[in-house]
Amino acid sequence: MATVPPYQQISQQKLKERDAQIPTEYLLTSGQLSQLNSQHNITHLPRSEEFFTPAEITIINSSAPTIVAKTSAGEWSVQEVTEAFIKAAMIAHQATNCLTEIPIPEARALAKSLDTTPTAPRGPLYGLPISLKDCFNIYPSVYSTSLGLTAWSAAQSPAPPESILVTLLRDLGAIPGHVKTNVPTGMMMIEGQNRLWGQTLSPFSKVLSPGGSSTGEGVLGALRGAPIGVGTDLGGSIRVPASWGGLYSLKPSSGRFPVMGARGGLSGQRAISMVNGPIAAELESVRMYCKAVVGAEPWRYDPGCVPIPWREGQMPVGRKLRIGVLRNDGVVRCQPPVERAVDIVRKALEDSGEVEVVGWEPFKHAEITTLVGRIITADGGHNVPGLINATQEPWYDSMLPYKAVSTSPDTDIPTSAMWELQHLQSTLQKEHLDHWRASGVDAVIAPVAPWAAVRRGASAKMPYMGYTFVWNFHDYVAATLPVTLADRSVDLRDEGYVPLNEIDRAVWEDYEPDVYHGGPAGVQVIGGRLEEEKCLEVVEFVDSLLRGKAYVLAFC
């Protein structure tokens, strides 16, 4: 009889434990599961009276500001709001496998305490359930922070402190962590899969990836399992799943939101900072979250936060808004649905008469993308590979380059070599700042990735994240904006295109209109460093131009 590898034994036990966390009243019948599994697109689910009552549908499809207004006025109890989102999250999970740990007892207890304590201060996020990416420590003596690694499947002992952001959200009146959401192995891929919790599915298509590494947040947001979710971003991990879930999001600059107490596979790496930020179905929810978190003065609790209050009214006065548009970074051309999304936004800006639109000349994207790879593997790739190998986990194809680094000699570079990389980074950052200032732009519109949600498993053959990596490298702000859906009738292949390189060829040859049909195609809006407020104001302006247009399809 074949011996079951350690990782499989651990996973089997952990999945049983997670299944037991789902309230029995929210377990779907076999018929309901078969129905959802047979449907290519399930984004209608949050509006389905087969699964939800009319009252629940109203609650889970409301924006964060609406929910807080209702709970603060006593029109909705915190418990009924929390329960509606618990139910939505449970149904979303059973359809997509988007969750890891499920701290429902603690969420219910917190909701009850807010309802039954009349003197409790009603903070700016009062009664608002907020889902958390798996990397955040919440109730750490009870629940794991595994990052999808079977070696980290147990709750940490001794238990670490709770993530500062979690405590802050609770102090603001929120219900943080009614669920924790799935990530790829070690948060090191844009594919939503790991050996502990398994594969997460996109609600838009059974064959397309939900993205990563904030995989579950993108899925849960699309299916209304939380009014706001919190993801993290080192190279695109908020923006990719948010865009592929048809959602708004914000990747801030480092220092605006607290990060201490979150677990990572590259802890201690500071050249390119991991940041966290909100993901939501409405822009107003993203803005509300940002204003509340910064308003709580996180610099009093996290030494890495900068003491800058939230600043409204950052749009230019006395002149037109000037926006650069990037359609192709000169390294990898985007597939037709993504190009069309960029073109839709550019046309809306030009037609408005209120914006000076200019082409944005990409600045050394190939060089920067290569440098990012060198920086994040400067430890010789020892951290995550050691954890993967500890329980005999098979390596995913998307992570084989990382494995190669970990098994190659002389990849764990000395401090002097790391300083050289950081010096080069500083030089490129200054050159880029001069490039940005010389252009006179207030913001740049760009693709999030070459695909409108890549087909599942295909990113290993065409690993390119240059459209997001570059902005993490410079520590610029970036927000996502949903635009449209891939349409096989209009997003046709350019059969005469001559690829620039092998990855460009792989991306272009991968495109099949029938496969990508229905995939969300959005853009990112990039602002200068620490210009979160201005970036969101630009997003709001662009969004106002797009909504209601015939060529912009409504998202879930």
Protein backbone atom coordinates (compact mmCIF):
# COMPACT_ATOMS: atom_id res chain seq x y z
CA MET A 1 0.00 0.00 0.00
CA ALA A 2 1.37 3.39 -1.01
CA THR A 3 2.28 5.76 1.81
CA VAL A 4 0.30 9.00 1.84
CA PRO A 5 2.74 11.95 1.69
CA PRO A 6 2.77 14.21 4.78
CA TYR A 7 1.27 17.18 2.92
CA GLN A 8 -1.77 15.12 1.88
CA GLN A 9 -2.36 13.86 5.41
CA ILE A 10 -2.17 17.41 6.76
CA SER A 11 -4.45 18.76 4.05
CA GLN A 12 -7.07 16.05 4.54
CA GLN A 13 -7.27 16.79 8.26
CA LYS A 14 -7.33 20.55 7.78
CA LEU A 15 -10.12 20.37 5.20
CA LYS A 16 -12.21 18.30 7.62
CA GLU A 17 -11.67 20.94 10.29
CA ARG A 18 -12.67 23.71 7.91
CA ASP A 19 -15.78 21.87 6.76
CA ALA A 20 -16.82 21.55 10.39
CA GLN A 21 -16.62 25.35 10.76
CA ILE A 22 -19.42 25.88 8.23
CA PRO A 23 -22.76 26.32 10.06
CA THR A 24 -25.03 23.41 9.18
CA GLU A 25 -27.87 25.76 8.31
CA TYR A 26 -25.77 27.14 5.45
CA LEU A 27 -24.69 23.85 3.93
CA LEU A 28 -25.89 23.57 0.35
CA THR A 29 -27.79 20.53 -0.82
CA SER A 30 -26.25 18.22 -3.38
CA GLY A 31 -28.76 19.56 -5.88
CA GLN A 32 -27.76 23.15 -5.23
CA LEU A 33 -24.08 22.30 -5.52
CA SER A 34 -24.66 20.45 -8.78
CA GLN A 35 -26.58 23.43 -10.10
CA LEU A 36 -23.77 25.87 -9.27
CA ASN A 37 -21.07 23.52 -10.55
CA SER A 38 -22.86 23.22 -13.87
CA GLN A 39 -22.95 26.97 -14.42
CA HIS A 40 -20.05 28.67 -16.19
CA ASN A 41 -20.72 32.04 -14.53
CA ILE A 42 -22.24 32.31 -11.04
CA THR A 43 -21.99 36.05 -10.44
CA HIS A 44 -25.80 36.19 -10.27
CA LEU A 45 -25.67 34.29 -6.98
CA PRO A 46 -25.88 37.29 -4.57
CA ARG A 47 -29.18 38.34 -6.15
CA SER A 48 -30.76 34.88 -6.23
CA GLU A 49 -33.91 34.39 -4.13
CA GLU A 50 -33.27 30.66 -4.30
CA PHE A 51 -30.34 31.15 -1.93
CA PHE A 52 -31.18 34.38 -0.07
CA THR A 53 -34.20 36.12 1.39
CA PRO A 54 -35.13 39.56 0.00
CA ALA A 55 -33.79 41.17 3.18
CA GLU A 56 -30.48 39.33 2.86
CA ILE A 57 -30.21 40.33 -0.80
CA THR A 58 -30.67 43.97 0.16
CA ILE A 59 -27.99 43.79 2.84
CA ILE A 60 -25.28 41.90 0.94
CA ASN A 61 -25.70 44.05 -2.18
CA SER A 62 -25.34 47.30 -0.22
CA SER A 63 -22.18 49.40 -0.16
CA ALA A 64 -20.18 49.85 3.01
CA PRO A 65 -21.38 53.46 3.55
CA THR A 66 -25.00 52.32 3.25
CA ILE A 67 -24.46 49.49 5.73
CA VAL A 68 -22.76 51.71 8.29
CA ALA A 69 -25.48 54.33 7.93
CA LYS A 70 -28.13 51.68 8.60
CA THR A 71 -26.36 50.05 11.56
CA SER A 72 -25.49 53.41 13.12
CA ALA A 73 -29.12 54.55 12.85
CA GLY A 74 -30.38 51.28 14.29
CA GLU A 75 -32.30 50.38 11.14
CA TRP A 76 -30.27 47.18 10.78
CA SER A 77 -28.78 45.32 13.71
CA VAL A 78 -25.11 44.43 13.54
CA GLN A 79 -26.05 40.81 14.06
CA GLU A 80 -28.40 40.63 11.06
CA VAL A 81 -25.81 42.31 8.85
CA THR A 82 -23.04 40.01 10.04
CA GLU A 83 -25.23 36.94 9.63
CA ALA A 84 -26.20 37.91 6.08
CA PHE A 85 -22.55 38.19 5.08
CA ILE A 86 -21.64 34.98 6.91
CA LYS A 87 -24.31 33.20 4.87
CA ALA A 88 -23.14 34.79 1.62
CA ALA A 89 -19.54 33.84 2.39
CA MET A 90 -20.49 30.24 3.17
CA ILE A 91 -22.41 29.87 -0.08
CA ALA A 92 -19.64 31.55 -2.08
CA HIS A 93 -17.08 29.23 -0.50
CA GLN A 94 -18.99 26.05 -1.25
CA ALA A 95 -19.20 27.14 -4.89
CA THR A 96 -15.59 28.32 -5.30
CA ASN A 97 -13.40 27.13 -2.38
CA CYS A 98 -12.40 30.70 -1.52
CA LEU A 99 -11.91 30.46 2.27
CA THR A 100 -9.30 29.13 4.70
CA GLU A 101 -10.19 29.67 8.35
CA ILE A 102 -13.76 30.60 9.32
CA PRO A 103 -13.93 32.41 12.71
CA ILE A 104 -17.73 32.63 12.78
CA PRO A 105 -18.21 32.15 16.56
CA GLU A 106 -15.95 35.11 17.28
CA ALA A 107 -17.63 37.27 14.61
CA ARG A 108 -21.08 36.48 15.98
CA ALA A 109 -19.98 37.25 19.53
CA LEU A 110 -18.52 40.59 18.49
CA ALA A 111 -21.66 41.51 16.57
CA LYS A 112 -23.82 40.63 19.57
CA SER A 113 -21.66 42.72 21.89
CA LEU A 114 -22.05 45.75 19.63
CA ASP A 115 -25.81 45.31 19.53
CA THR A 116 -26.21 44.76 23.26
CA THR A 117 -23.89 47.48 24.52
CA PRO A 118 -25.78 50.75 24.00
CA THR A 119 -22.85 52.84 25.23
CA ALA A 120 -20.42 51.27 22.78
CA PRO A 121 -18.84 53.95 20.59
CA ARG A 122 -20.13 53.73 17.06
CA GLY A 123 -17.00 54.11 15.01
CA PRO A 124 -16.81 55.00 11.31
CA LEU A 125 -16.97 51.30 10.34
CA TYR A 126 -19.67 50.36 12.84
CA GLY A 127 -21.11 46.91 12.26
CA LEU A 128 -19.23 46.35 8.99
CA PRO A 129 -17.97 42.80 8.31
CA ILE A 130 -14.55 42.87 6.67
CA SER A 131 -12.94 39.73 5.28
CA LEU A 132 -9.21 39.21 5.63
CA LYS A 133 -6.61 37.62 3.43
CA ASP A 134 -5.18 34.52 5.08
CA CYS A 135 -1.90 36.25 6.00
CA PHE A 136 -3.47 38.35 8.76
CA ASN A 137 -3.23 37.04 12.31
CA ILE A 138 -6.66 37.06 13.97
CA TYR A 139 -7.43 35.00 17.07
CA PRO A 140 -3.97 33.50 16.44
CA SER A 141 -4.09 31.02 19.31
CA VAL A 142 -7.09 29.35 17.65
CA TYR A 143 -6.74 29.83 13.89
CA SER A 144 -3.81 29.24 11.57
CA THR A 145 -2.16 31.75 9.30
CA SER A 146 -0.93 29.17 6.85
CA LEU A 147 -0.35 31.03 3.57
CA GLY A 148 -1.50 27.80 1.92
CA LEU A 149 1.52 25.91 3.25
CA THR A 150 0.91 22.54 4.88
CA ALA A 151 3.98 23.17 7.06
CA TRP A 152 2.12 26.12 8.59
CA SER A 153 -1.28 24.47 8.91
CA ALA A 154 -1.50 24.67 12.70
CA ALA A 155 -2.12 27.71 14.85
CA GLN A 156 1.23 29.25 15.77
CA SER A 157 2.72 28.37 19.16
CA PRO A 158 3.39 30.48 21.01
CA ALA A 159 0.64 32.58 19.49
CA PRO A 160 1.93 35.78 17.88
CA PRO A 161 0.28 39.14 18.49
CA GLU A 162 -2.81 39.90 16.44
CA SER A 163 -2.14 41.92 13.31
CA ILE A 164 -2.25 45.62 14.13
CA LEU A 165 -4.71 46.26 11.32
CA VAL A 166 -7.15 43.71 12.75
CA THR A 167 -7.16 45.38 16.17
CA LEU A 168 -7.52 48.80 14.57
CA LEU A 169 -10.50 47.69 12.46
CA ARG A 170 -12.20 46.28 15.56
CA ASP A 171 -11.60 49.59 17.36
CA LEU A 172 -13.25 51.37 14.43
CA GLY A 173 -16.41 49.36 15.02
CA ALA A 174 -15.93 46.78 12.26
CA ILE A 175 -16.34 43.00 12.43
CA PRO A 176 -12.92 42.00 11.05
CA GLY A 177 -12.32 38.46 9.90
CA HIS A 178 -15.72 36.80 9.79
CA VAL A 179 -13.77 34.75 7.25
CA LYS A 180 -10.18 34.44 6.07
CA THR A 181 -9.57 33.95 2.37
CA ASN A 182 -7.46 31.65 0.26
CA VAL A 183 -4.07 32.40 -1.29
CA PRO A 184 -1.63 30.59 -3.58
CA THR A 185 1.28 28.71 -2.01
CA GLY A 186 3.31 31.15 0.07
CA MET A 187 1.51 34.01 -1.73
CA MET A 188 4.02 33.50 -4.54
CA MET A 189 1.81 33.04 -7.62
CA ILE A 190 -1.07 34.69 -9.44
CA GLU A 191 -2.79 31.31 -9.61
CA GLY A 192 -5.23 30.64 -6.76
CA GLN A 193 -4.09 27.23 -5.59
CA ASN A 194 -2.12 25.53 -2.85
CA ARG A 195 -1.61 22.03 -1.44
CA LEU A 196 -3.33 22.78 1.87
CA TRP A 197 -6.68 24.28 0.90
CA GLY A 198 -6.82 23.48 -2.82
CA GLN A 199 -7.88 25.37 -5.94
CA THR A 200 -10.10 28.46 -5.79
CA LEU A 201 -12.40 28.98 -8.78
CA SER A 202 -13.38 32.19 -10.53
CA PRO A 203 -17.08 33.09 -10.28
CA PHE A 204 -16.89 34.46 -13.83
CA SER A 205 -15.63 31.34 -15.54
CA LYS A 206 -14.72 27.78 -14.66
CA VAL A 207 -11.72 27.92 -16.98
CA LEU A 208 -10.25 31.28 -15.97
CA SER A 209 -8.09 32.02 -12.94
CA PRO A 210 -9.36 34.22 -10.09
CA GLY A 211 -5.84 35.64 -9.77
CA GLY A 212 -3.62 36.05 -6.75
CA SER A 213 -2.24 36.28 -4.35
CA SER A 214 -5.31 37.85 -2.67
CA THR A 215 -7.25 35.15 -4.48
CA GLY A 216 -10.14 34.59 -2.11
CA GLU A 217 -10.72 38.31 -1.62
CA GLY A 218 -11.38 38.82 -5.32
CA VAL A 219 -13.80 35.90 -5.41
CA LEU A 220 -15.57 36.77 -2.17
CA GLY A 221 -15.99 40.40 -3.22
CA ALA A 222 -17.53 39.39 -6.53
CA LEU A 223 -20.01 37.11 -4.74
CA ARG A 224 -20.79 39.67 -2.01
CA GLY A 225 -19.45 37.60 0.88
CA ALA A 226 -18.04 40.78 2.40
CA PRO A 227 -18.69 44.48 1.71
CA ILE A 228 -14.94 45.07 1.98
CA GLY A 229 -12.01 42.68 1.95
CA VAL A 230 -8.37 43.36 2.76
CA GLY A 231 -5.62 42.02 0.54
CA THR A 232 -1.87 42.52 0.34
CA ASP A 233 0.31 43.51 -2.59
CA LEU A 234 4.02 43.01 -3.27
CA GLY A 235 3.81 42.79 -7.05
CA GLY A 236 0.15 42.96 -8.04
CA SER A 237 -1.55 40.76 -5.45
CA ILE A 238 -4.39 43.19 -4.68
CA ARG A 239 -4.89 44.52 -8.19
CA VAL A 240 -4.88 41.28 -10.18
CA PRO A 241 -7.60 39.40 -8.23
CA ALA A 242 -9.59 42.62 -7.78
CA SER A 243 -9.54 43.32 -11.51
CA TRP A 244 -10.31 39.69 -12.38
CA GLY A 245 -13.22 39.87 -9.95
CA GLY A 246 -14.63 43.05 -11.52
CA LEU A 247 -13.84 45.04 -8.37
CA TYR A 248 -12.35 48.31 -7.18
CA SER A 249 -9.24 48.26 -5.03
CA LEU A 250 -6.35 50.35 -3.81
CA LYS A 251 -2.68 49.43 -3.52
CA PRO A 252 -1.29 52.22 -1.35
CA SER A 253 2.26 53.37 -0.97
CA SER A 254 4.12 51.88 1.95
CA GLY A 255 3.39 53.65 5.22
CA ARG A 256 -0.24 54.63 4.75
CA PHE A 257 -1.80 51.48 6.28
CA PRO A 258 -0.36 49.34 9.12
CA VAL A 259 1.32 46.10 8.10
CA MET A 260 2.87 44.83 11.34
CA GLY A 261 1.66 41.44 12.46
CA ALA A 262 0.87 40.09 9.00
CA ARG A 263 2.67 36.89 8.07
CA GLY A 264 4.64 36.61 4.85
CA GLY A 265 6.93 34.29 2.99
CA LEU A 266 9.51 37.05 2.47
CA SER A 267 9.51 38.59 5.94
CA GLY A 268 12.37 41.06 6.38
CA GLN A 269 12.63 41.94 2.69
CA ARG A 270 12.22 45.74 2.65
CA ALA A 271 13.44 46.92 -0.75
CA ILE A 272 9.98 46.32 -2.19
CA SER A 273 7.43 46.68 0.57
CA MET A 274 4.39 44.50 1.02
CA VAL A 275 1.38 46.75 1.56
CA ASN A 276 -2.25 46.04 2.29
CA GLY A 277 -5.39 47.67 0.97
CA PRO A 278 -9.13 47.34 0.40
CA ILE A 279 -11.04 45.45 -2.29
CA ALA A 280 -14.75 46.12 -2.81
CA ALA A 281 -17.56 46.11 -5.34
CA GLU A 282 -18.09 49.87 -4.93
CA LEU A 283 -15.59 52.68 -5.09
CA GLU A 284 -17.28 54.46 -2.20
CA SER A 285 -16.56 51.43 -0.01
CA VAL A 286 -12.85 51.61 -0.85
CA ARG A 287 -12.76 55.32 -0.05
CA MET A 288 -14.63 54.86 3.24
CA TYR A 289 -12.20 52.19 4.39
CA CYS A 290 -9.14 54.28 3.54
CA LYS A 291 -10.44 57.37 5.28
CA ALA A 292 -11.35 55.42 8.42
CA VAL A 293 -8.05 53.53 8.70
CA VAL A 294 -5.87 56.59 8.12
CA GLY A 295 -8.15 58.59 10.41
CA ALA A 296 -7.34 56.15 13.21
CA GLU A 297 -3.73 57.45 13.10
CA PRO A 298 -2.05 54.07 12.52
CA TRP A 299 1.39 55.65 12.97
CA ARG A 300 0.66 55.54 16.71
CA TYR A 301 0.71 51.74 16.56
CA ASP A 302 2.92 50.78 13.61
CA PRO A 303 6.33 52.49 13.39
CA GLY A 304 6.32 51.95 9.64
CA CYS A 305 3.31 54.22 9.11
CA VAL A 306 3.77 57.84 8.12
CA PRO A 307 1.87 60.55 10.07
CA ILE A 308 -0.12 61.90 7.15
CA PRO A 309 -3.86 62.49 7.76
CA TRP A 310 -6.46 61.74 5.08
CA ARG A 311 -6.59 64.72 2.67
CA GLU A 312 -9.65 65.44 0.54
CA GLY A 313 -9.74 67.67 -2.55
CA GLN A 314 -6.48 66.76 -4.28
CA MET A 315 -7.63 67.24 -7.88
CA PRO A 316 -5.94 70.06 -9.84
CA VAL A 317 -7.54 73.50 -9.69
CA GLY A 318 -7.39 76.03 -12.50
CA ARG A 319 -6.28 73.57 -15.17
CA LYS A 320 -7.41 70.40 -16.86
CA LEU A 321 -6.62 67.02 -15.43
CA ARG A 322 -3.69 65.53 -17.34
CA ILE A 323 -3.73 61.75 -17.70
CA GLY A 324 -1.25 59.50 -19.44
CA VAL A 325 -2.46 56.32 -21.11
CA LEU A 326 -0.29 53.21 -21.40
CA ARG A 327 -1.59 50.52 -23.76
CA ASN A 328 1.57 48.51 -24.33
CA ASP A 329 4.67 48.50 -22.12
CA GLY A 330 6.96 47.44 -24.96
CA VAL A 331 7.69 44.07 -23.39
CA VAL A 332 4.43 42.12 -23.58
CA ARG A 333 1.40 43.19 -25.60
CA CYS A 334 -1.95 42.74 -23.88
CA GLN A 335 -4.63 40.49 -25.29
CA PRO A 336 -7.51 42.14 -27.21
CA PRO A 337 -10.04 42.43 -24.33
CA VAL A 338 -7.52 44.32 -22.22
CA GLU A 339 -6.54 46.62 -25.08
CA ARG A 340 -10.23 47.37 -25.64
CA ALA A 341 -10.70 48.21 -21.95
CA VAL A 342 -7.84 50.72 -22.13
CA ASP A 343 -9.29 52.17 -25.36
CA ILE A 344 -12.73 52.53 -23.75
CA VAL A 345 -11.26 54.57 -20.92
CA ARG A 346 -9.15 56.71 -23.25
CA LYS A 347 -12.14 57.49 -25.46
CA ALA A 348 -14.27 58.43 -22.45
CA LEU A 349 -11.54 60.78 -21.24
CA GLU A 350 -11.09 62.39 -24.64
CA ASP A 351 -14.84 62.74 -25.22
CA SER A 352 -15.32 64.45 -21.85
CA GLY A 353 -13.46 67.58 -22.94
CA GLU A 354 -12.27 67.92 -19.35
CA VAL A 355 -9.01 66.00 -19.60
CA GLU A 356 -5.74 66.45 -21.39
CA VAL A 357 -4.94 62.93 -22.55
CA VAL A 358 -1.39 62.03 -23.50
CA GLY A 359 0.39 58.81 -24.35
CA TRP A 360 2.51 57.47 -21.51
CA GLU A 361 5.96 56.33 -22.51
CA PRO A 362 6.86 53.24 -20.47
CA PHE A 363 10.06 53.65 -18.50
CA LYS A 364 12.45 50.69 -18.49
CA HIS A 365 9.78 48.08 -17.71
CA ALA A 366 11.94 45.14 -18.80
CA GLU A 367 14.90 46.23 -16.69
CA ILE A 368 12.72 46.91 -13.65
CA THR A 369 10.85 43.61 -13.90
CA THR A 370 14.16 41.74 -14.00
CA LEU A 371 15.46 43.71 -11.03
CA VAL A 372 12.33 42.97 -9.01
CA GLY A 373 12.93 39.26 -9.56
CA ARG A 374 16.51 39.58 -8.37
CA ILE A 375 15.48 41.46 -5.25
CA ILE A 376 12.77 39.06 -4.10
CA THR A 377 15.05 36.05 -4.61
CA ALA A 378 18.10 37.68 -3.01
CA ASP A 379 17.87 35.19 -0.14
CA GLY A 380 18.55 32.39 -2.59
CA GLY A 381 14.90 31.42 -2.47
CA HIS A 382 15.36 29.66 0.85
CA ASN A 383 12.30 30.72 2.84
CA VAL A 384 9.31 29.33 0.96
CA PRO A 385 11.09 26.34 -0.69
CA GLY A 386 12.16 25.04 2.70
CA LEU A 387 8.54 25.07 3.85
CA ILE A 388 7.32 23.39 0.67
CA ASN A 389 9.90 20.63 0.93
CA ALA A 390 9.32 20.09 4.67
CA THR A 391 6.07 18.21 4.00
CA GLN A 392 6.97 16.87 0.53
CA GLU A 393 4.63 19.20 -1.33
CA PRO A 394 4.90 18.87 -5.13
CA TRP A 395 5.95 22.09 -6.82
CA TYR A 396 3.45 23.93 -9.00
CA ASP A 397 4.72 24.80 -12.49
CA SER A 398 4.27 28.52 -11.74
CA MET A 399 6.82 28.21 -8.92
CA LEU A 400 9.47 26.19 -10.71
CA PRO A 401 11.62 29.28 -11.45
CA TYR A 402 11.65 29.97 -7.71
CA LYS A 403 12.64 26.35 -7.07
CA ALA A 404 15.47 26.73 -9.58
CA VAL A 405 16.81 29.72 -7.67
CA SER A 406 16.64 27.79 -4.39
CA THR A 407 18.69 24.89 -5.80
CA SER A 408 21.28 26.96 -7.66
CA PRO A 409 24.62 27.90 -6.11
CA ASP A 410 25.49 31.49 -5.23
CA THR A 411 21.91 32.80 -5.41
CA ASP A 412 21.86 33.75 -1.72
CA ILE A 413 23.73 36.94 -2.38
CA PRO A 414 25.97 38.74 0.16
CA THR A 415 24.94 42.00 1.82
CA SER A 416 27.25 44.00 -0.44
CA ALA A 417 25.48 42.65 -3.54
CA MET A 418 22.09 43.46 -2.05
CA TRP A 419 23.23 47.01 -1.39
CA GLU A 420 24.23 47.27 -5.03
CA LEU A 421 20.72 46.19 -6.09
CA GLN A 422 19.19 48.74 -3.74
CA HIS A 423 21.48 51.45 -5.09
CA LEU A 424 20.37 50.57 -8.62
CA GLN A 425 16.77 50.68 -7.44
CA SER A 426 17.25 54.18 -6.01
CA THR A 427 18.85 55.33 -9.25
CA LEU A 428 15.97 53.99 -11.34
CA GLN A 429 13.41 55.47 -8.95
CA LYS A 430 14.98 58.93 -9.36
CA GLU A 431 15.09 58.60 -13.14
CA HIS A 432 11.46 57.54 -13.16
CA LEU A 433 10.44 60.42 -10.90
CA ASP A 434 12.09 62.84 -13.33
CA HIS A 435 10.27 61.08 -16.19
CA TRP A 436 6.92 61.42 -14.34
CA ARG A 437 7.45 65.09 -13.49
CA ALA A 438 8.57 65.97 -17.01
CA SER A 439 5.37 64.45 -18.40
CA GLY A 440 3.22 66.64 -16.18
CA VAL A 441 0.66 63.86 -15.61
CA ASP A 442 -1.61 63.66 -12.62
CA ALA A 443 -2.16 59.93 -13.14
CA VAL A 444 -1.60 57.11 -15.61
CA ILE A 445 -4.15 54.64 -16.96
CA ALA A 446 -2.64 51.22 -17.68
CA PRO A 447 -3.54 47.54 -17.97
CA VAL A 448 -3.41 45.43 -14.82
CA ALA A 449 -2.13 42.35 -16.65
CA PRO A 450 -1.94 41.13 -20.24
CA TRP A 451 -5.06 38.96 -19.80
CA ALA A 452 -8.69 39.53 -18.89
CA ALA A 453 -8.19 36.81 -16.24
CA VAL A 454 -5.68 34.27 -17.50
CA ARG A 455 -6.86 30.76 -18.27
CA ARG A 456 -6.28 28.58 -15.23
CA GLY A 457 -2.78 27.10 -15.09
CA ALA A 458 -1.49 28.99 -18.12
CA SER A 459 0.47 31.71 -16.34
CA ALA A 460 3.34 29.27 -15.73
CA LYS A 461 4.04 29.32 -19.47
CA MET A 462 3.95 33.11 -19.72
CA PRO A 463 5.01 34.54 -16.35
CA TYR A 464 4.76 38.27 -16.84
CA MET A 465 3.71 40.74 -14.15
CA GLY A 466 5.46 43.80 -15.50
CA TYR A 467 2.29 45.89 -15.63
CA THR A 468 2.02 45.74 -11.84
CA PHE A 469 5.59 45.04 -10.66
CA VAL A 470 6.86 48.39 -11.88
CA TRP A 471 4.57 50.39 -9.60
CA ASN A 472 5.52 48.36 -6.51
CA PHE A 473 9.15 48.97 -7.41
CA HIS A 474 8.55 52.73 -7.35
CA ASP A 475 6.14 52.52 -4.38
CA TYR A 476 3.48 54.42 -6.34
CA VAL A 477 -0.22 54.25 -5.59
CA ALA A 478 -2.42 52.17 -7.89
CA ALA A 479 -6.16 51.52 -7.92
CA THR A 480 -8.24 49.17 -10.04
CA LEU A 481 -11.30 50.15 -12.03
CA PRO A 482 -13.65 47.61 -13.66
CA VAL A 483 -14.43 48.48 -17.28
CA THR A 484 -15.93 45.70 -19.37
CA LEU A 485 -15.98 41.97 -20.10
CA ALA A 486 -14.16 40.06 -22.81
CA ASP A 487 -16.43 39.61 -25.84
CA ARG A 488 -15.59 37.01 -28.45
CA SER A 489 -17.60 38.89 -31.08
CA VAL A 490 -15.40 42.01 -30.91
CA ASP A 491 -12.15 40.97 -29.23
CA LEU A 492 -10.65 39.24 -32.24
CA ARG A 493 -7.10 37.98 -32.71
CA ASP A 494 -4.62 40.07 -34.65
CA GLU A 495 -3.33 37.31 -36.89
CA GLY A 496 -0.62 39.53 -38.35
CA TYR A 497 1.01 40.44 -35.06
CA VAL A 498 4.74 39.72 -34.78
CA PRO A 499 5.68 39.06 -31.12
CA LEU A 500 8.56 40.94 -29.54
CA ASN A 501 9.93 38.03 -27.48
CA GLU A 502 9.07 34.53 -26.29
CA ILE A 503 6.81 35.57 -23.41
CA ASP A 504 5.04 38.02 -25.70
CA ARG A 505 4.57 35.19 -28.19
CA ALA A 506 3.17 32.89 -25.49
CA VAL A 507 0.68 35.52 -24.32
CA TRP A 508 -0.46 36.25 -27.86
CA GLU A 509 -0.72 32.63 -28.96
CA ASP A 510 -2.63 31.78 -25.78
CA TYR A 511 -5.52 34.07 -26.68
CA GLU A 512 -8.67 32.30 -27.82
CA PRO A 513 -11.81 34.47 -27.95
CA ASP A 514 -14.11 31.62 -26.90
CA VAL A 515 -11.99 30.73 -23.86
CA TYR A 516 -11.64 34.28 -22.58
CA HIS A 517 -15.21 35.33 -23.32
CA GLY A 518 -16.78 36.87 -20.22
CA GLY A 519 -13.52 37.49 -18.38
CA PRO A 520 -13.38 40.84 -16.53
CA ALA A 521 -11.22 43.44 -18.27
CA GLY A 522 -10.31 46.46 -16.19
CA VAL A 523 -7.53 49.00 -15.84
CA GLN A 524 -5.40 50.40 -13.09
CA VAL A 525 -5.09 54.08 -12.29
CA ILE A 526 -1.61 54.96 -11.04
CA GLY A 527 -0.82 57.98 -8.92
CA GLY A 528 2.34 59.36 -7.40
CA ARG A 529 3.85 58.08 -4.18
CA LEU A 530 1.63 58.72 -1.11
CA GLU A 531 -1.09 60.23 -3.31
CA GLU A 532 -3.85 57.78 -2.34
CA GLU A 533 -6.49 60.49 -2.02
CA LYS A 534 -5.76 62.01 -5.41
CA CYS A 535 -5.62 58.59 -7.06
CA LEU A 536 -9.08 57.68 -5.75
CA GLU A 537 -10.45 61.06 -6.84
CA VAL A 538 -9.16 60.39 -10.36
CA VAL A 539 -10.75 56.93 -10.26
CA GLU A 540 -14.04 58.50 -9.18
CA PHE A 541 -13.87 60.96 -12.08
CA VAL A 542 -13.08 58.26 -14.64
CA ASP A 543 -15.72 55.98 -13.18
CA SER A 544 -18.34 58.71 -13.52
CA LEU A 545 -17.54 58.92 -17.23
CA LEU A 546 -17.86 55.18 -17.73
CA ARG A 547 -20.93 54.17 -15.75
CA GLY A 548 -24.06 53.96 -17.85
CA LYS A 549 -22.18 53.82 -21.14
CA ALA A 550 -23.42 51.17 -23.54
CA TYR A 551 -19.94 49.69 -23.92
CA VAL A 552 -19.42 49.24 -20.21
CA LEU A 553 -21.07 46.09 -18.89
CA ALA A 554 -22.49 45.93 -15.38
CA PHE A 555 -20.58 43.76 -12.96
CA CYS A 556 -22.03 41.51 -10.32
